[in-house]
């Protein structure tokens, strides 16, 4: 398994997923319903973890093998479940 490739892709995916917290944050701020703090917290935590995975291996370029691809998908779904809960 190529851990650097897995971390690079997982970091990019998590960083992109953190952007999905912005629309509900904007709506929460617009309607002033007081629930903006959890969205800000989720955005910052997910972005931080994504950047933590991606930055150390950002220059590592290698092909993704099939086994590594399955592992990335499993880890990403587990991460999404943890972020959603």
N, C-alpha and C. Protein backbone atom coordinates (compact mmCIF):
# COMPACT_ATOMS: atom_id res chain seq x y z
N UNK A 1 0.83 -1.18 0.00
CA UNK A 1 0.00 0.00 0.00
C UNK A 1 0.87 1.25 0.00
N UNK A 2 0.42 2.23 -0.71
CA UNK A 2 1.15 3.48 -0.81
C UNK A 2 0.46 4.51 0.09
N UNK A 3 0.98 4.63 1.30
CA UNK A 3 0.35 5.49 2.30
C UNK A 3 0.35 6.95 1.88
N UNK A 4 1.40 7.40 1.23
CA UNK A 4 1.47 8.81 0.82
C UNK A 4 0.39 9.15 -0.20
N UNK A 5 0.13 8.26 -1.13
CA UNK A 5 -0.91 8.49 -2.13
C UNK A 5 -2.28 8.51 -1.47
N UNK A 6 -2.49 7.58 -0.54
CA UNK A 6 -3.77 7.50 0.16
C UNK A 6 -4.01 8.77 0.98
N UNK A 7 -3.01 9.21 1.72
CA UNK A 7 -3.16 10.42 2.53
C UNK A 7 -3.38 11.66 1.68
N UNK A 8 -2.70 11.73 0.54
CA UNK A 8 -2.84 12.88 -0.35
C UNK A 8 -4.28 12.98 -0.87
N UNK A 9 -4.80 11.89 -1.36
CA UNK A 9 -6.16 11.90 -1.91
C UNK A 9 -7.19 12.11 -0.81
N UNK A 10 -7.00 11.45 0.32
CA UNK A 10 -7.93 11.60 1.43
C UNK A 10 -7.93 13.04 1.95
N UNK A 11 -6.77 13.66 2.01
CA UNK A 11 -6.68 15.05 2.44
C UNK A 11 -7.39 16.00 1.50
N UNK A 12 -7.25 15.77 0.20
CA UNK A 12 -7.94 16.61 -0.78
C UNK A 12 -9.45 16.43 -0.66
N UNK A 13 -9.90 15.18 -0.53
CA UNK A 13 -11.33 14.92 -0.42
C UNK A 13 -11.93 15.54 0.85
N UNK A 14 -11.22 15.42 1.96
CA UNK A 14 -11.73 16.00 3.20
C UNK A 14 -11.76 17.53 3.13
N UNK A 15 -10.74 18.11 2.52
CA UNK A 15 -10.72 19.57 2.37
C UNK A 15 -11.89 20.05 1.51
N UNK A 16 -12.16 19.31 0.44
CA UNK A 16 -13.30 19.67 -0.41
C UNK A 16 -14.62 19.46 0.32
N UNK A 17 -14.70 18.39 1.12
CA UNK A 17 -15.92 18.13 1.87
C UNK A 17 -16.18 19.23 2.89
N UNK A 18 -15.13 19.82 3.43
CA UNK A 18 -15.33 20.89 4.42
C UNK A 18 -16.06 22.08 3.80
N UNK A 19 -15.93 22.25 2.50
CA UNK A 19 -16.61 23.36 1.82
C UNK A 19 -18.13 23.20 1.82
N UNK A 20 -18.61 21.97 2.05
CA UNK A 20 -20.06 21.77 2.09
C UNK A 20 -20.68 22.35 3.36
N UNK A 21 -19.86 22.77 4.30
CA UNK A 21 -20.38 23.39 5.52
C UNK A 21 -20.65 24.88 5.33
N UNK A 22 -20.18 25.45 4.24
CA UNK A 22 -20.33 26.89 4.03
C UNK A 22 -21.78 27.30 3.70
N UNK A 23 -22.49 26.62 2.78
CA UNK A 23 -23.88 27.05 2.52
C UNK A 23 -24.79 27.04 3.75
N UNK A 24 -24.79 25.97 4.59
CA UNK A 24 -25.63 26.06 5.78
C UNK A 24 -25.17 27.14 6.75
N UNK A 25 -23.86 27.40 6.77
CA UNK A 25 -23.34 28.47 7.63
C UNK A 25 -23.87 29.83 7.17
N UNK A 26 -23.84 30.07 5.87
CA UNK A 26 -24.34 31.33 5.33
C UNK A 26 -25.84 31.49 5.62
N UNK A 27 -26.59 30.42 5.43
CA UNK A 27 -28.03 30.48 5.72
C UNK A 27 -28.28 30.72 7.20
N UNK A 28 -27.49 30.08 8.04
CA UNK A 28 -27.64 30.27 9.48
C UNK A 28 -27.32 31.70 9.88
N UNK A 29 -26.30 32.28 9.29
CA UNK A 29 -25.96 33.67 9.59
C UNK A 29 -27.01 34.62 9.04
N UNK A 30 -27.56 34.30 7.87
CA UNK A 30 -28.57 35.15 7.25
C UNK A 30 -29.87 35.16 8.05
N UNK A 31 -30.28 33.99 8.54
CA UNK A 31 -31.54 33.90 9.29
C UNK A 31 -31.36 34.18 10.77
N UNK A 32 -30.12 34.26 11.22
CA UNK A 32 -29.79 34.55 12.62
C UNK A 32 -30.49 33.58 13.58
N UNK A 33 -30.39 32.29 13.25
CA UNK A 33 -31.04 31.29 14.09
C UNK A 33 -30.15 30.78 15.22
N UNK A 34 -28.92 31.24 15.26
CA UNK A 34 -28.02 30.89 16.37
C UNK A 34 -27.31 29.56 16.24
N UNK A 35 -27.40 28.92 15.08
CA UNK A 35 -26.74 27.62 14.93
C UNK A 35 -25.51 27.71 14.03
N UNK A 36 -24.89 28.85 13.95
CA UNK A 36 -23.72 29.02 13.10
C UNK A 36 -22.47 28.39 13.71
N UNK A 37 -22.38 28.36 15.03
CA UNK A 37 -21.18 27.85 15.70
C UNK A 37 -20.86 26.40 15.34
N UNK A 38 -21.82 25.47 15.34
CA UNK A 38 -21.48 24.10 14.95
C UNK A 38 -20.99 23.99 13.51
N UNK A 39 -21.54 24.79 12.61
CA UNK A 39 -21.09 24.75 11.22
C UNK A 39 -19.67 25.30 11.08
N UNK A 40 -19.37 26.36 11.80
CA UNK A 40 -18.01 26.91 11.78
C UNK A 40 -17.03 25.90 12.35
N UNK A 41 -17.40 25.30 13.46
CA UNK A 41 -16.54 24.31 14.10
C UNK A 41 -16.30 23.11 13.19
N UNK A 42 -17.35 22.60 12.57
CA UNK A 42 -17.21 21.45 11.67
C UNK A 42 -16.34 21.81 10.47
N UNK A 43 -16.55 23.01 9.91
CA UNK A 43 -15.75 23.45 8.77
C UNK A 43 -14.27 23.51 9.13
N UNK A 44 -13.96 24.12 10.25
CA UNK A 44 -12.56 24.29 10.66
C UNK A 44 -11.90 22.95 10.97
N UNK A 45 -12.60 22.08 11.70
CA UNK A 45 -12.02 20.79 12.08
C UNK A 45 -11.77 19.92 10.86
N UNK A 46 -12.76 19.82 9.97
CA UNK A 46 -12.60 18.97 8.78
C UNK A 46 -11.53 19.53 7.86
N UNK A 47 -11.50 20.85 7.69
CA UNK A 47 -10.46 21.46 6.85
C UNK A 47 -9.08 21.23 7.45
N UNK A 48 -8.96 21.38 8.76
CA UNK A 48 -7.68 21.16 9.43
C UNK A 48 -7.19 19.73 9.25
N UNK A 49 -8.07 18.76 9.42
CA UNK A 49 -7.68 17.36 9.25
C UNK A 49 -7.30 17.09 7.80
N UNK A 50 -8.07 17.63 6.86
CA UNK A 50 -7.74 17.45 5.45
C UNK A 50 -6.39 18.04 5.09
N UNK A 51 -6.11 19.24 5.58
CA UNK A 51 -4.81 19.86 5.31
C UNK A 51 -3.68 19.13 6.03
N UNK A 52 -3.98 18.60 7.21
CA UNK A 52 -2.99 17.83 7.96
C UNK A 52 -2.59 16.57 7.20
N UNK A 53 -3.53 15.95 6.52
CA UNK A 53 -3.23 14.77 5.71
C UNK A 53 -2.53 15.15 4.41
N UNK A 54 -2.94 16.26 3.80
CA UNK A 54 -2.48 16.59 2.46
C UNK A 54 -1.12 17.30 2.42
N UNK A 55 -0.88 18.24 3.31
CA UNK A 55 0.33 19.07 3.23
C UNK A 55 1.65 18.29 3.27
N UNK A 56 1.80 17.30 4.15
CA UNK A 56 3.10 16.60 4.16
C UNK A 56 3.40 15.81 2.89
N UNK A 57 2.37 15.43 2.14
CA UNK A 57 2.59 14.57 0.97
C UNK A 57 2.08 15.22 -0.32
N UNK A 58 1.94 16.54 -0.33
CA UNK A 58 1.35 17.21 -1.49
C UNK A 58 2.20 17.08 -2.75
N UNK A 59 3.49 16.93 -2.62
CA UNK A 59 4.36 16.83 -3.79
C UNK A 59 4.62 15.39 -4.22
N UNK A 60 4.05 14.45 -3.51
CA UNK A 60 4.24 13.04 -3.83
C UNK A 60 3.27 12.65 -4.95
N UNK A 61 3.82 12.35 -6.11
CA UNK A 61 3.00 11.98 -7.27
C UNK A 61 3.27 10.52 -7.61
N UNK A 62 2.23 9.74 -7.58
CA UNK A 62 2.33 8.34 -7.95
C UNK A 62 0.94 7.86 -8.33
N UNK A 63 0.88 6.78 -9.07
CA UNK A 63 -0.41 6.26 -9.50
C UNK A 63 -1.10 5.54 -8.35
N UNK A 64 -2.40 5.63 -8.35
CA UNK A 64 -3.22 4.97 -7.35
C UNK A 64 -3.55 3.56 -7.84
N UNK A 65 -3.24 2.58 -7.03
CA UNK A 65 -3.57 1.20 -7.38
C UNK A 65 -4.99 0.88 -6.94
N UNK A 66 -5.53 -0.21 -7.44
CA UNK A 66 -6.91 -0.59 -7.16
C UNK A 66 -7.14 -0.79 -5.67
N UNK A 67 -6.24 -1.49 -5.01
CA UNK A 67 -6.38 -1.74 -3.57
C UNK A 67 -6.35 -0.43 -2.78
N UNK A 68 -5.46 0.46 -3.18
CA UNK A 68 -5.39 1.76 -2.51
C UNK A 68 -6.66 2.57 -2.73
N UNK A 69 -7.24 2.45 -3.92
CA UNK A 69 -8.48 3.16 -4.22
C UNK A 69 -9.63 2.69 -3.33
N UNK A 70 -9.72 1.38 -3.13
CA UNK A 70 -10.75 0.86 -2.23
C UNK A 70 -10.53 1.37 -0.81
N UNK A 71 -9.29 1.41 -0.40
CA UNK A 71 -8.96 1.88 0.95
C UNK A 71 -9.32 3.36 1.13
N UNK A 72 -9.07 4.16 0.10
CA UNK A 72 -9.43 5.58 0.15
C UNK A 72 -10.94 5.74 0.29
N UNK A 73 -11.69 4.96 -0.47
CA UNK A 73 -13.15 5.05 -0.41
C UNK A 73 -13.66 4.68 0.98
N UNK A 74 -13.13 3.59 1.54
CA UNK A 74 -13.56 3.16 2.88
C UNK A 74 -13.22 4.22 3.92
N UNK A 75 -12.00 4.73 3.89
CA UNK A 75 -11.60 5.75 4.86
C UNK A 75 -12.41 7.03 4.70
N UNK A 76 -12.71 7.39 3.47
CA UNK A 76 -13.48 8.61 3.24
C UNK A 76 -14.90 8.47 3.79
N UNK A 77 -15.54 7.33 3.57
CA UNK A 77 -16.89 7.12 4.09
C UNK A 77 -16.89 7.07 5.61
N UNK A 78 -15.88 6.47 6.19
CA UNK A 78 -15.78 6.45 7.65
C UNK A 78 -15.59 7.87 8.17
N UNK A 79 -14.73 8.63 7.50
CA UNK A 79 -14.51 10.03 7.90
C UNK A 79 -15.76 10.88 7.76
N UNK A 80 -16.54 10.65 6.70
CA UNK A 80 -17.79 11.39 6.53
C UNK A 80 -18.78 11.05 7.63
N UNK A 81 -18.83 9.78 7.99
CA UNK A 81 -19.72 9.37 9.08
C UNK A 81 -19.33 10.00 10.40
N UNK A 82 -18.03 10.05 10.66
CA UNK A 82 -17.56 10.68 11.89
C UNK A 82 -17.82 12.19 11.89
N UNK A 83 -17.62 12.81 10.74
CA UNK A 83 -17.85 14.25 10.65
C UNK A 83 -19.32 14.59 10.78
N UNK A 84 -20.18 13.71 10.31
CA UNK A 84 -21.60 13.97 10.38
C UNK A 84 -22.20 13.73 11.76
N UNK A 85 -21.49 12.99 12.57
CA UNK A 85 -22.06 12.68 13.89
C UNK A 85 -21.54 13.56 14.95
